[in-house]
Amino acid sequence: MAVRVRFPPQAPSYKISSIVTLYVLKGETGRRYVGITNNLSRRLHEHRAKNSKGGQMLGKLFVIICDNLWLSSYNHFKTP
């Protein structure tokens, strides 16, 4: 029995476009904030800025959950 193999192999229908960080903050007021960013240190600095709306609303912030996620974007390849 013959097996047909396509050369070159067909490209996948998706590609990894970026890694982002999902994070949950808890403020001293007890409120929580869920966010997503591609630069966690910059984003935390923005949250902690005294003039930011989020910083005023939450007060002192604590990171309670932080995880990296792969986001993919779909490419549509034409089949030969």
PDB file of N, CA and C in Angstrom:
ATOM      1  N   MET A   1       0.844  -1.174   0.000  1.00  0.00           N
ATOM      2  CA  MET A   1       0.000   0.000   0.000  1.00  0.00           C
ATOM      3  C   MET A   1       0.892   1.240   0.000  1.00  0.00           C
ATOM      4  N   ALA A   2       0.674   2.114  -0.950  1.00  0.00           N
ATOM      5  CA  ALA A   2       1.484   3.328  -1.069  1.00  0.00           C
ATOM      6  C   ALA A   2       0.896   4.446  -0.219  1.00  0.00           C
ATOM      7  N   VAL A   3       1.789   5.213   0.384  1.00  0.00           N
ATOM      8  CA  VAL A   3       1.372   6.369   1.176  1.00  0.00           C
ATOM      9  C   VAL A   3       1.806   7.621   0.432  1.00  0.00           C
ATOM     10  N   ARG A   4       0.878   8.519   0.215  1.00  0.00           N
ATOM     11  CA  ARG A   4       1.204   9.764  -0.475  1.00  0.00           C
ATOM     12  C   ARG A   4       1.607  10.818   0.552  1.00  0.00           C
ATOM     13  N   VAL A   5       2.734  11.429   0.310  1.00  0.00           N
ATOM     14  CA  VAL A   5       3.214  12.489   1.193  1.00  0.00           C
ATOM     15  C   VAL A   5       3.383  13.748   0.362  1.00  0.00           C
ATOM     16  N   ARG A   6       2.875  14.828   0.852  1.00  0.00           N
ATOM     17  CA  ARG A   6       2.970  16.100   0.140  1.00  0.00           C
ATOM     18  C   ARG A   6       4.283  16.797   0.499  1.00  0.00           C
ATOM     19  N   PHE A   7       5.047  17.169  -0.521  1.00  0.00           N
ATOM     20  CA  PHE A   7       6.278  17.941  -0.320  1.00  0.00           C
ATOM     21  C   PHE A   7       6.167  19.246  -1.083  1.00  0.00           C
ATOM     22  N   PRO A   8       6.456  20.367  -0.516  1.00  0.00           N
ATOM     23  CA  PRO A   8       6.733  20.516   0.907  1.00  0.00           C
ATOM     24  C   PRO A   8       5.459  20.304   1.706  1.00  0.00           C
ATOM     25  N   PRO A   9       5.601  19.996   2.990  1.00  0.00           N
ATOM     26  CA  PRO A   9       4.409  19.788   3.807  1.00  0.00           C
ATOM     27  C   PRO A   9       3.558  21.053   3.847  1.00  0.00           C
ATOM     28  N   GLN A  10       2.278  20.859   3.986  1.00  0.00           N
ATOM     29  CA  GLN A  10       1.365  21.999   4.032  1.00  0.00           C
ATOM     30  C   GLN A  10       1.634  22.828   5.288  1.00  0.00           C
ATOM     31  N   ALA A  11       1.674  24.131   5.123  1.00  0.00           N
ATOM     32  CA  ALA A  11       1.907  25.030   6.260  1.00  0.00           C
ATOM     33  C   ALA A  11       0.707  24.997   7.198  1.00  0.00           C
ATOM     34  N   PRO A  12       0.940  25.200   8.486  1.00  0.00           N
ATOM     35  CA  PRO A  12      -0.182  25.225   9.425  1.00  0.00           C
ATOM     36  C   PRO A  12      -1.087  26.418   9.132  1.00  0.00           C
ATOM     37  N   SER A  13      -2.322  26.341   9.569  1.00  0.00           N
ATOM     38  CA  SER A  13      -3.279  27.411   9.298  1.00  0.00           C
ATOM     39  C   SER A  13      -3.209  28.521  10.334  1.00  0.00           C
ATOM     40  N   TYR A  14      -2.229  28.496  11.211  1.00  0.00           N
ATOM     41  CA  TYR A  14      -2.093  29.557  12.200  1.00  0.00           C
ATOM     42  C   TYR A  14      -0.623  29.844  12.446  1.00  0.00           C
ATOM     43  N   LYS A  15      -0.361  30.968  13.031  1.00  0.00           N
ATOM     44  CA  LYS A  15       0.999  31.274  13.452  1.00  0.00           C
ATOM     45  C   LYS A  15       0.934  31.947  14.814  1.00  0.00           C
ATOM     46  N   ILE A  16       1.961  31.754  15.604  1.00  0.00           N
ATOM     47  CA  ILE A  16       2.021  32.412  16.899  1.00  0.00           C
ATOM     48  C   ILE A  16       2.406  33.865  16.648  1.00  0.00           C
ATOM     49  N   SER A  17       1.584  34.781  17.104  1.00  0.00           N
ATOM     50  CA  SER A  17       1.874  36.179  16.836  1.00  0.00           C
ATOM     51  C   SER A  17       2.473  36.890  18.036  1.00  0.00           C
ATOM     52  N   SER A  18       2.124  36.467  19.244  1.00  0.00           N
ATOM     53  CA  SER A  18       2.687  37.159  20.394  1.00  0.00           C
ATOM     54  C   SER A  18       2.422  36.400  21.686  1.00  0.00           C
ATOM     55  N   ILE A  19       3.225  36.739  22.669  1.00  0.00           N
ATOM     56  CA  ILE A  19       3.016  36.236  24.022  1.00  0.00           C
ATOM     57  C   ILE A  19       2.559  37.426  24.847  1.00  0.00           C
ATOM     58  N   VAL A  20       1.499  37.252  25.589  1.00  0.00           N
ATOM     59  CA  VAL A  20       1.001  38.313  26.453  1.00  0.00           C
ATOM     60  C   VAL A  20       0.891  37.789  27.876  1.00  0.00           C
ATOM     61  N   THR A  21       0.790  38.697  28.817  1.00  0.00           N
ATOM     62  CA  THR A  21       0.652  38.331  30.219  1.00  0.00           C
ATOM     63  C   THR A  21      -0.737  38.715  30.701  1.00  0.00           C
ATOM     64  N   LEU A  22      -1.428  37.741  31.262  1.00  0.00           N
ATOM     65  CA  LEU A  22      -2.706  37.974  31.917  1.00  0.00           C
ATOM     66  C   LEU A  22      -2.409  38.158  33.393  1.00  0.00           C
ATOM     67  N   TYR A  23      -2.959  39.194  34.004  1.00  0.00           N
ATOM     68  CA  TYR A  23      -2.658  39.449  35.405  1.00  0.00           C
ATOM     69  C   TYR A  23      -3.911  39.889  36.148  1.00  0.00           C
ATOM     70  N   VAL A  24      -3.920  39.614  37.444  1.00  0.00           N
ATOM     71  CA  VAL A  24      -4.999  40.058  38.325  1.00  0.00           C
ATOM     72  C   VAL A  24      -4.357  40.825  39.465  1.00  0.00           C
ATOM     73  N   LEU A  25      -4.837  42.034  39.680  1.00  0.00           N
ATOM     74  CA  LEU A  25      -4.347  42.873  40.768  1.00  0.00           C
ATOM     75  C   LEU A  25      -5.419  42.964  41.841  1.00  0.00           C
ATOM     76  N   LYS A  26      -4.972  43.065  43.078  1.00  0.00           N
ATOM     77  CA  LYS A  26      -5.895  43.312  44.183  1.00  0.00           C
ATOM     78  C   LYS A  26      -5.414  44.564  44.888  1.00  0.00           C
ATOM     79  N   GLY A  27      -6.310  45.501  45.080  1.00  0.00           N
ATOM     80  CA  GLY A  27      -5.962  46.749  45.739  1.00  0.00           C
ATOM     81  C   GLY A  27      -6.216  46.674  47.228  1.00  0.00           C
ATOM     82  N   GLU A  28      -5.680  47.644  47.951  1.00  0.00           N
ATOM     83  CA  GLU A  28      -5.877  47.678  49.398  1.00  0.00           C
ATOM     84  C   GLU A  28      -7.338  47.920  49.748  1.00  0.00           C
ATOM     85  N   THR A  29      -8.120  48.393  48.796  1.00  0.00           N
ATOM     86  CA  THR A  29      -9.552  48.597  49.015  1.00  0.00           C
ATOM     87  C   THR A  29     -10.337  47.293  48.875  1.00  0.00           C
ATOM     88  N   GLY A  30      -9.659  46.219  48.416  1.00  0.00           N
ATOM     89  CA  GLY A  30     -10.320  44.931  48.221  1.00  0.00           C
ATOM     90  C   GLY A  30     -10.811  44.714  46.800  1.00  0.00           C
ATOM     91  N   ARG A  31     -10.784  45.750  45.987  1.00  0.00           N
ATOM     92  CA  ARG A  31     -11.219  45.612  44.598  1.00  0.00           C
ATOM     93  C   ARG A  31     -10.162  44.877  43.797  1.00  0.00           C
ATOM     94  N   ARG A  32     -10.622  44.207  42.739  1.00  0.00           N
ATOM     95  CA  ARG A  32      -9.709  43.477  41.856  1.00  0.00           C
ATOM     96  C   ARG A  32      -9.770  44.074  40.466  1.00  0.00           C
ATOM     97  N   TYR A  33      -8.660  43.898  39.747  1.00  0.00           N
ATOM     98  CA  TYR A  33      -8.554  44.382  38.375  1.00  0.00           C
ATOM     99  C   TYR A  33      -7.909  43.281  37.553  1.00  0.00           C
ATOM    100  N   VAL A  34      -8.507  42.942  36.422  1.00  0.00           N
ATOM    101  CA  VAL A  34      -7.961  41.934  35.510  1.00  0.00           C
ATOM    102  C   VAL A  34      -7.479  42.657  34.264  1.00  0.00           C
ATOM    103  N   GLY A  35      -6.247  42.359  33.856  1.00  0.00           N
ATOM    104  CA  GLY A  35      -5.689  43.020  32.684  1.00  0.00           C
ATOM    105  C   GLY A  35      -4.857  42.077  31.847  1.00  0.00           C
ATOM    106  N   ILE A  36      -4.513  42.538  30.659  1.00  0.00           N
ATOM    107  CA  ILE A  36      -3.668  41.779  29.746  1.00  0.00           C
ATOM    108  C   ILE A  36      -2.699  42.772  29.104  1.00  0.00           C
ATOM    109  N   THR A  37      -1.431  42.378  28.972  1.00  0.00           N
ATOM    110  CA  THR A  37      -0.421  43.281  28.445  1.00  0.00           C
ATOM    111  C   THR A  37       0.712  42.497  27.808  1.00  0.00           C
ATOM    112  N   ASN A  38       1.500  43.173  27.004  1.00  0.00           N
ATOM    113  CA  ASN A  38       2.707  42.559  26.454  1.00  0.00           C
ATOM    114  C   ASN A  38       3.955  43.060  27.180  1.00  0.00           C
ATOM    115  N   ASN A  39       3.773  43.902  28.208  1.00  0.00           N
ATOM    116  CA  ASN A  39       4.894  44.423  28.990  1.00  0.00           C
ATOM    117  C   ASN A  39       4.405  44.654  30.420  1.00  0.00           C
ATOM    118  N   LEU A  40       4.542  43.639  31.269  1.00  0.00           N
ATOM    119  CA  LEU A  40       3.974  43.700  32.615  1.00  0.00           C
ATOM    120  C   LEU A  40       4.627  44.768  33.479  1.00  0.00           C
ATOM    121  N   SER A  41       5.938  44.908  33.428  1.00  0.00           N
ATOM    122  CA  SER A  41       6.589  45.896  34.290  1.00  0.00           C
ATOM    123  C   SER A  41       6.139  47.321  33.941  1.00  0.00           C
ATOM    124  N   ARG A  42       6.010  47.620  32.645  1.00  0.00           N
ATOM    125  CA  ARG A  42       5.520  48.944  32.240  1.00  0.00           C
ATOM    126  C   ARG A  42       4.095  49.165  32.712  1.00  0.00           C
ATOM    127  N   ARG A  43       3.266  48.132  32.549  1.00  0.00           N
ATOM    128  CA  ARG A  43       1.849  48.262  32.906  1.00  0.00           C
ATOM    129  C   ARG A  43       1.673  48.441  34.409  1.00  0.00           C
ATOM    130  N   LEU A  44       2.441  47.704  35.214  1.00  0.00           N
ATOM    131  CA  LEU A  44       2.349  47.873  36.668  1.00  0.00           C
ATOM    132  C   LEU A  44       2.789  49.275  37.070  1.00  0.00           C
ATOM    133  N   HIS A  45       3.809  49.792  36.419  1.00  0.00           N
ATOM    134  CA  HIS A  45       4.255  51.163  36.693  1.00  0.00           C
ATOM    135  C   HIS A  45       3.130  52.152  36.393  1.00  0.00           C
ATOM    136  N   GLU A  46       2.422  51.938  35.296  1.00  0.00           N
ATOM    137  CA  GLU A  46       1.295  52.807  34.946  1.00  0.00           C
ATOM    138  C   GLU A  46       0.182  52.712  35.981  1.00  0.00           C
ATOM    139  N   HIS A  47      -0.118  51.497  36.443  1.00  0.00           N
ATOM    140  CA  HIS A  47      -1.166  51.320  37.454  1.00  0.00           C
ATOM    141  C   HIS A  47      -0.798  52.018  38.759  1.00  0.00           C
ATOM    142  N   ARG A  48       0.468  51.958  39.115  1.00  0.00           N
ATOM    143  CA  ARG A  48       0.900  52.504  40.401  1.00  0.00           C
ATOM    144  C   ARG A  48       1.145  54.011  40.371  1.00  0.00           C
ATOM    145  N   ALA A  49       1.061  54.622  39.208  1.00  0.00           N
ATOM    146  CA  ALA A  49       1.257  56.071  39.103  1.00  0.00           C
ATOM    147  C   ALA A  49       0.165  56.786  39.896  1.00  0.00           C
ATOM    148  N   LYS A  50       0.553  57.787  40.625  1.00  0.00           N
ATOM    149  CA  LYS A  50      -0.391  58.504  41.489  1.00  0.00           C
ATOM    150  C   LYS A  50      -1.497  59.195  40.701  1.00  0.00           C
ATOM    151  N   ASN A  51      -1.199  59.587  39.459  1.00  0.00           N
ATOM    152  CA  ASN A  51      -2.196  60.307  38.674  1.00  0.00           C
ATOM    153  C   ASN A  51      -3.096  59.400  37.843  1.00  0.00           C
ATOM    154  N   SER A  52      -2.906  58.083  37.915  1.00  0.00           N
ATOM    155  CA  SER A  52      -3.742  57.183  37.115  1.00  0.00           C
ATOM    156  C   SER A  52      -5.080  56.940  37.810  1.00  0.00           C
ATOM    157  N   LYS A  53      -6.109  56.807  37.006  1.00  0.00           N
ATOM    158  CA  LYS A  53      -7.447  56.560  37.540  1.00  0.00           C
ATOM    159  C   LYS A  53      -7.492  55.230  38.296  1.00  0.00           C
ATOM    160  N   GLY A  54      -6.842  54.204  37.721  1.00  0.00           N
ATOM    161  CA  GLY A  54      -6.818  52.897  38.375  1.00  0.00           C
ATOM    162  C   GLY A  54      -6.063  52.924  39.687  1.00  0.00           C
ATOM    163  N   GLY A  55      -4.941  53.648  39.705  1.00  0.00           N
ATOM    164  CA  GLY A  55      -4.162  53.762  40.932  1.00  0.00           C
ATOM    165  C   GLY A  55      -4.935  54.446  42.037  1.00  0.00           C
ATOM    166  N   GLN A  56      -5.716  55.461  41.691  1.00  0.00           N
ATOM    167  CA  GLN A  56      -6.534  56.157  42.679  1.00  0.00           C
ATOM    168  C   GLN A  56      -7.671  55.273  43.167  1.00  0.00           C
ATOM    169  N   MET A  57      -8.227  54.465  42.285  1.00  0.00           N
ATOM    170  CA  MET A  57      -9.371  53.631  42.637  1.00  0.00           C
ATOM    171  C   MET A  57      -8.966  52.436  43.498  1.00  0.00           C
ATOM    172  N   LEU A  58      -7.803  51.819  43.197  1.00  0.00           N
ATOM    173  CA  LEU A  58      -7.395  50.606  43.893  1.00  0.00           C
ATOM    174  C   LEU A  58      -6.483  50.866  45.081  1.00  0.00           C
ATOM    175  N   GLY A  59      -5.778  51.978  45.088  1.00  0.00           N
ATOM    176  CA  GLY A  59      -4.802  52.229  46.146  1.00  0.00           C
ATOM    177  C   GLY A  59      -3.560  51.380  45.915  1.00  0.00           C
ATOM    178  N   LYS A  60      -2.945  50.926  46.998  1.00  0.00           N
ATOM    179  CA  LYS A  60      -1.751  50.084  46.884  1.00  0.00           C
ATOM    180  C   LYS A  60      -2.128  48.758  46.227  1.00  0.00           C
ATOM    181  N   LEU A  61      -1.321  48.323  45.244  1.00  0.00           N
ATOM    182  CA  LEU A  61      -1.661  47.146  44.441  1.00  0.00           C
ATOM    183  C   LEU A  61      -0.809  45.940  44.786  1.00  0.00           C
ATOM    184  N   PHE A  62      -1.415  44.776  44.689  1.00  0.00           N
ATOM    185  CA  PHE A  62      -0.729  43.500  44.859  1.00  0.00           C
ATOM    186  C   PHE A  62      -1.075  42.619  43.672  1.00  0.00           C
ATOM    187  N   VAL A  63      -0.076  41.983  43.079  1.00  0.00           N
ATOM    188  CA  VAL A  63      -0.319  41.040  41.985  1.00  0.00           C
ATOM    189  C   VAL A  63      -0.710  39.716  42.620  1.00  0.00           C
ATOM    190  N   ILE A  64      -1.893  39.200  42.287  1.00  0.00           N
ATOM    191  CA  ILE A  64      -2.312  37.928  42.881  1.00  0.00           C
ATOM    192  C   ILE A  64      -2.262  36.775  41.885  1.00  0.00           C
ATOM    193  N   ILE A  65      -2.361  37.066  40.595  1.00  0.00           N
ATOM    194  CA  ILE A  65      -2.237  36.027  39.564  1.00  0.00           C
ATOM    195  C   ILE A  65      -1.501  36.639  38.378  1.00  0.00           C
ATOM    196  N   CYS A  66      -0.603  35.860  37.796  1.00  0.00           N
ATOM    197  CA  CYS A  66       0.139  36.326  36.625  1.00  0.00           C
ATOM    198  C   CYS A  66       0.486  35.099  35.787  1.00  0.00           C
ATOM    199  N   ASP A  67       0.124  35.100  34.507  1.00  0.00           N
ATOM    200  CA  ASP A  67       0.402  33.953  33.649  1.00  0.00           C
ATOM    201  C   ASP A  67       0.627  34.423  32.218  1.00  0.00           C
ATOM    202  N   ASN A  68       1.554  33.793  31.524  1.00  0.00           N
ATOM    203  CA  ASN A  68       1.826  34.111  30.122  1.00  0.00           C
ATOM    204  C   ASN A  68       0.922  33.289  29.219  1.00  0.00           C
ATOM    205  N   LEU A  69       0.417  33.908  28.170  1.00  0.00           N
ATOM    206  CA  LEU A  69      -0.474  33.259  27.214  1.00  0.00           C
ATOM    207  C   LEU A  69       0.069  33.442  25.810  1.00  0.00           C
ATOM    208  N   TRP A  70      -0.135  32.442  24.968  1.00  0.00           N
ATOM    209  CA  TRP A  70       0.209  32.545  23.545  1.00  0.00           C
ATOM    210  C   TRP A  70      -1.045  32.976  22.809  1.00  0.00           C
ATOM    211  N   LEU A  71      -0.944  34.046  22.062  1.00  0.00           N
ATOM    212  CA  LEU A  71      -2.049  34.456  21.204  1.00  0.00           C
ATOM    213  C   LEU A  71      -1.691  34.091  19.777  1.00  0.00           C
ATOM    214  N   SER A  72      -2.641  33.550  19.062  1.00  0.00           N
ATOM    215  CA  SER A  72      -2.365  33.192  17.674  1.00  0.00           C
ATOM    216  C   SER A  72      -3.288  33.972  16.753  1.00  0.00           C
ATOM    217  N   SER A  73      -2.801  34.241  15.588  1.00  0.00           N
ATOM    218  CA  SER A  73      -3.634  34.863  14.562  1.00  0.00           C
ATOM    219  C   SER A  73      -3.707  33.886  13.401  1.00  0.00           C
ATOM    220  N   TYR A  74      -4.870  33.790  12.820  1.00  0.00           N
ATOM    221  CA  TYR A  74      -5.061  32.809  11.762  1.00  0.00           C
ATOM    222  C   TYR A  74      -4.663  33.365  10.404  1.00  0.00           C
ATOM    223  N   ASN A  75      -3.936  32.550   9.674  1.00  0.00           N
ATOM    224  CA  ASN A  75      -3.591  32.858   8.286  1.00  0.00           C
ATOM    225  C   ASN A  75      -4.350  31.875   7.408  1.00  0.00           C
ATOM    226  N   HIS A  76      -4.834  32.336   6.315  1.00  0.00           N
ATOM    227  CA  HIS A  76      -5.548  31.455   5.394  1.00  0.00           C
ATOM    228  C   HIS A  76      -4.656  31.194   4.189  1.00  0.00           C
ATOM    229  N   PHE A  77      -4.182  29.983   4.084  1.00  0.00           N
ATOM    230  CA  PHE A  77      -3.314  29.606   2.973  1.00  0.00           C
ATOM    231  C   PHE A  77      -4.159  29.030   1.852  1.00  0.00           C
ATOM    232  N   LYS A  78      -3.794  29.354   0.652  1.00  0.00           N
ATOM    233  CA  LYS A  78      -4.474  28.772  -0.503  1.00  0.00           C
ATOM    234  C   LYS A  78      -3.934  27.370  -0.725  1.00  0.00           C
ATOM    235  N   THR A  79      -4.813  26.451  -0.972  1.00  0.00           N
ATOM    236  CA  THR A  79      -4.371  25.091  -1.271  1.00  0.00           C
ATOM    237  C   THR A  79      -4.076  24.987  -2.759  1.00  0.00           C
ATOM    238  N   PRO A  80      -3.038  24.242  -3.110  1.00  0.00           N
ATOM    239  CA  PRO A  80      -2.679  24.126  -4.538  1.00  0.00           C
ATOM    240  C   PRO A  80      -3.718  23.372  -5.337  1.00  0.00           C
TER     241      PRO A  80
END
